Amino acid sequence: MKKIIIYIIGLNFLALGIVLNISTGLGVAALSSSIYTTSQIFHIS
């Protein structure tokens, strides 16, 4: 159970980093480009 909570917290930090990168206009890294593309296709913000 503890591992799942740490995993979810880690995913939230990763998502926060991607959002901050995009919103500040720094661009999208190669690692997060698939996540960014998926969010643009399905209109997830």
PDB file of N, CA and C in Angstrom:
ATOM      1  N   MET A   1       0.822  -1.193   0.000  1.00  0.00           N
ATOM      2  CA  MET A   1       0.000   0.000   0.000  1.00  0.00           C
ATOM      3  C   MET A   1       0.867   1.259   0.000  1.00  0.00           C
ATOM      4  N   LYS A   2       1.953   1.237   0.776  1.00  0.00           N
ATOM      5  CA  LYS A   2       2.834   2.399   0.864  1.00  0.00           C
ATOM      6  C   LYS A   2       3.505   2.674  -0.483  1.00  0.00           C
ATOM      7  N   LYS A   3       3.855   1.612  -1.223  1.00  0.00           N
ATOM      8  CA  LYS A   3       4.490   1.784  -2.525  1.00  0.00           C
ATOM      9  C   LYS A   3       3.542   2.430  -3.525  1.00  0.00           C
ATOM     10  N   ILE A   4       2.275   2.096  -3.445  1.00  0.00           N
ATOM     11  CA  ILE A   4       1.283   2.668  -4.360  1.00  0.00           C
ATOM     12  C   ILE A   4       1.126   4.165  -4.095  1.00  0.00           C
ATOM     13  N   ILE A   5       1.097   4.545  -2.845  1.00  0.00           N
ATOM     14  CA  ILE A   5       0.955   5.961  -2.491  1.00  0.00           C
ATOM     15  C   ILE A   5       2.188   6.745  -2.966  1.00  0.00           C
ATOM     16  N   ILE A   6       3.363   6.204  -2.757  1.00  0.00           N
ATOM     17  CA  ILE A   6       4.585   6.871  -3.217  1.00  0.00           C
ATOM     18  C   ILE A   6       4.595   6.967  -4.736  1.00  0.00           C
ATOM     19  N   TYR A   7       4.124   5.938  -5.421  1.00  0.00           N
ATOM     20  CA  TYR A   7       4.050   5.936  -6.878  1.00  0.00           C
ATOM     21  C   TYR A   7       3.107   7.029  -7.382  1.00  0.00           C
ATOM     22  N   ILE A   8       1.950   7.158  -6.759  1.00  0.00           N
ATOM     23  CA  ILE A   8       0.976   8.173  -7.162  1.00  0.00           C
ATOM     24  C   ILE A   8       1.522   9.581  -6.904  1.00  0.00           C
ATOM     25  N   ILE A   9       2.179   9.771  -5.781  1.00  0.00           N
ATOM     26  CA  ILE A   9       2.791  11.071  -5.484  1.00  0.00           C
ATOM     27  C   ILE A   9       3.864  11.392  -6.519  1.00  0.00           C
ATOM     28  N   GLY A  10       4.651  10.404  -6.896  1.00  0.00           N
ATOM     29  CA  GLY A  10       5.685  10.603  -7.909  1.00  0.00           C
ATOM     30  C   GLY A  10       5.095  10.975  -9.260  1.00  0.00           C
ATOM     31  N   LEU A  11       3.990  10.335  -9.641  1.00  0.00           N
ATOM     32  CA  LEU A  11       3.327  10.676 -10.894  1.00  0.00           C
ATOM     33  C   LEU A  11       2.803  12.109 -10.878  1.00  0.00           C
ATOM     34  N   ASN A  12       2.306  12.535  -9.731  1.00  0.00           N
ATOM     35  CA  ASN A  12       1.823  13.909  -9.621  1.00  0.00           C
ATOM     36  C   ASN A  12       2.960  14.916  -9.764  1.00  0.00           C
ATOM     37  N   PHE A  13       4.117  14.627  -9.180  1.00  0.00           N
ATOM     38  CA  PHE A  13       5.266  15.510  -9.341  1.00  0.00           C
ATOM     39  C   PHE A  13       5.724  15.559 -10.798  1.00  0.00           C
ATOM     40  N   LEU A  14       5.706  14.409 -11.466  1.00  0.00           N
ATOM     41  CA  LEU A  14       6.079  14.368 -12.873  1.00  0.00           C
ATOM     42  C   LEU A  14       5.114  15.195 -13.716  1.00  0.00           C
ATOM     43  N   ALA A  15       3.827  15.051 -13.460  1.00  0.00           N
ATOM     44  CA  ALA A  15       2.820  15.815 -14.192  1.00  0.00           C
ATOM     45  C   ALA A  15       2.966  17.310 -13.918  1.00  0.00           C
ATOM     46  N   LEU A  16       3.262  17.681 -12.686  1.00  0.00           N
ATOM     47  CA  LEU A  16       3.459  19.090 -12.347  1.00  0.00           C
ATOM     48  C   LEU A  16       4.652  19.664 -13.108  1.00  0.00           C
ATOM     49  N   GLY A  17       5.714  18.916 -13.205  1.00  0.00           N
ATOM     50  CA  GLY A  17       6.888  19.368 -13.946  1.00  0.00           C
ATOM     51  C   GLY A  17       6.582  19.577 -15.414  1.00  0.00           C
ATOM     52  N   ILE A  18       5.806  18.682 -16.012  1.00  0.00           N
ATOM     53  CA  ILE A  18       5.440  18.814 -17.421  1.00  0.00           C
ATOM     54  C   ILE A  18       4.559  20.034 -17.626  1.00  0.00           C
ATOM     55  N   VAL A  19       3.595  20.234 -16.733  1.00  0.00           N
ATOM     56  CA  VAL A  19       2.701  21.391 -16.845  1.00  0.00           C
ATOM     57  C   VAL A  19       3.483  22.689 -16.721  1.00  0.00           C
ATOM     58  N   LEU A  20       4.402  22.762 -15.776  1.00  0.00           N
ATOM     59  CA  LEU A  20       5.203  23.976 -15.609  1.00  0.00           C
ATOM     60  C   LEU A  20       6.087  24.237 -16.824  1.00  0.00           C
ATOM     61  N   ASN A  21       6.650  23.183 -17.390  1.00  0.00           N
ATOM     62  CA  ASN A  21       7.468  23.343 -18.594  1.00  0.00           C
ATOM     63  C   ASN A  21       6.653  23.903 -19.750  1.00  0.00           C
ATOM     64  N   ILE A  22       5.468  23.393 -19.935  1.00  0.00           N
ATOM     65  CA  ILE A  22       4.626  23.833 -21.048  1.00  0.00           C
ATOM     66  C   ILE A  22       4.108  25.243 -20.809  1.00  0.00           C
ATOM     67  N   SER A  23       3.652  25.527 -19.597  1.00  0.00           N
ATOM     68  CA  SER A  23       3.037  26.830 -19.328  1.00  0.00           C
ATOM     69  C   SER A  23       4.047  27.973 -19.318  1.00  0.00           C
ATOM     70  N   THR A  24       5.305  27.698 -19.019  1.00  0.00           N
ATOM     71  CA  THR A  24       6.310  28.755 -19.049  1.00  0.00           C
ATOM     72  C   THR A  24       6.902  28.951 -20.431  1.00  0.00           C
ATOM     73  N   GLY A  25       6.524  28.098 -21.356  1.00  0.00           N
ATOM     74  CA  GLY A  25       7.003  28.240 -22.726  1.00  0.00           C
ATOM     75  C   GLY A  25       8.381  27.668 -22.965  1.00  0.00           C
ATOM     76  N   LEU A  26       8.859  26.826 -22.072  1.00  0.00           N
ATOM     77  CA  LEU A  26      10.181  26.223 -22.243  1.00  0.00           C
ATOM     78  C   LEU A  26      10.172  25.071 -23.231  1.00  0.00           C
ATOM     79  N   GLY A  27       8.994  24.590 -23.573  1.00  0.00           N
ATOM     80  CA  GLY A  27       8.897  23.485 -24.513  1.00  0.00           C
ATOM     81  C   GLY A  27       8.665  22.168 -23.808  1.00  0.00           C
ATOM     82  N   VAL A  28       8.709  21.124 -24.598  1.00  0.00           N
ATOM     83  CA  VAL A  28       8.447  19.787 -24.077  1.00  0.00           C
ATOM     84  C   VAL A  28       9.666  18.919 -24.340  1.00  0.00           C
ATOM     85  N   ALA A  29      10.133  18.228 -23.337  1.00  0.00           N
ATOM     86  CA  ALA A  29      11.274  17.327 -23.489  1.00  0.00           C
ATOM     87  C   ALA A  29      10.862  16.089 -24.269  1.00  0.00           C
ATOM     88  N   ALA A  30      11.832  15.391 -24.814  1.00  0.00           N
ATOM     89  CA  ALA A  30      11.546  14.191 -25.607  1.00  0.00           C
ATOM     90  C   ALA A  30      10.836  13.130 -24.776  1.00  0.00           C
ATOM     91  N   LEU A  31      11.177  13.048 -23.509  1.00  0.00           N
ATOM     92  CA  LEU A  31      10.559  12.047 -22.634  1.00  0.00           C
ATOM     93  C   LEU A  31       9.084  12.320 -22.426  1.00  0.00           C
ATOM     94  N   SER A  32       8.685  13.572 -22.338  1.00  0.00           N
ATOM     95  CA  SER A  32       7.291  13.900 -22.064  1.00  0.00           C
ATOM     96  C   SER A  32       6.489  14.227 -23.312  1.00  0.00           C
ATOM     97  N   SER A  33       7.063  14.070 -24.487  1.00  0.00           N
ATOM     98  CA  SER A  33       6.330  14.429 -25.694  1.00  0.00           C
ATOM     99  C   SER A  33       5.138  13.512 -25.936  1.00  0.00           C
ATOM    100  N   SER A  34       5.263  12.236 -25.594  1.00  0.00           N
ATOM    101  CA  SER A  34       4.120  11.335 -25.781  1.00  0.00           C
ATOM    102  C   SER A  34       2.991  11.684 -24.822  1.00  0.00           C
ATOM    103  N   ILE A  35       3.322  12.084 -23.609  1.00  0.00           N
ATOM    104  CA  ILE A  35       2.312  12.490 -22.640  1.00  0.00           C
ATOM    105  C   ILE A  35       1.642  13.787 -23.093  1.00  0.00           C
ATOM    106  N   TYR A  36       2.449  14.714 -23.599  1.00  0.00           N
ATOM    107  CA  TYR A  36       1.921  15.986 -24.079  1.00  0.00           C
ATOM    108  C   TYR A  36       0.994  15.761 -25.281  1.00  0.00           C
ATOM    109  N   THR A  37       1.395  14.899 -26.202  1.00  0.00           N
ATOM    110  CA  THR A  37       0.568  14.615 -27.378  1.00  0.00           C
ATOM    111  C   THR A  37      -0.756  13.997 -26.977  1.00  0.00           C
ATOM    112  N   THR A  38      -0.727  13.063 -26.047  1.00  0.00           N
ATOM    113  CA  THR A  38      -1.954  12.427 -25.572  1.00  0.00           C
ATOM    114  C   THR A  38      -2.878  13.451 -24.929  1.00  0.00           C
ATOM    115  N   SER A  39      -2.316  14.361 -24.147  1.00  0.00           N
ATOM    116  CA  SER A  39      -3.157  15.372 -23.500  1.00  0.00           C
ATOM    117  C   SER A  39      -3.763  16.328 -24.518  1.00  0.00           C
ATOM    118  N   GLN A  40      -3.054  16.599 -25.609  1.00  0.00           N
ATOM    119  CA  GLN A  40      -3.590  17.478 -26.633  1.00  0.00           C
ATOM    120  C   GLN A  40      -4.681  16.782 -27.450  1.00  0.00           C
ATOM    121  N   ILE A  41      -4.530  15.500 -27.714  1.00  0.00           N
ATOM    122  CA  ILE A  41      -5.533  14.764 -28.483  1.00  0.00           C
ATOM    123  C   ILE A  41      -6.830  14.639 -27.726  1.00  0.00           C
ATOM    124  N   PHE A  42      -6.748  14.302 -26.443  1.00  0.00           N
ATOM    125  CA  PHE A  42      -7.948  14.073 -25.639  1.00  0.00           C
ATOM    126  C   PHE A  42      -8.390  15.305 -24.860  1.00  0.00           C
ATOM    127  N   HIS A  43      -7.757  16.448 -25.100  1.00  0.00           N
ATOM    128  CA  HIS A  43      -8.099  17.718 -24.451  1.00  0.00           C
ATOM    129  C   HIS A  43      -8.082  17.616 -22.930  1.00  0.00           C
ATOM    130  N   ILE A  44      -7.012  17.027 -22.421  1.00  0.00           N
ATOM    131  CA  ILE A  44      -6.822  16.896 -20.975  1.00  0.00           C
ATOM    132  C   ILE A  44      -5.883  18.008 -20.536  1.00  0.00           C
ATOM    133  N   SER A  45      -6.276  18.738 -19.508  1.00  0.00           N
ATOM    134  CA  SER A  45      -5.386  19.799 -19.038  1.00  0.00           C
ATOM    135  C   SER A  45      -4.975  19.556 -17.612  1.00  0.00           C
TER     136      SER A  45
END
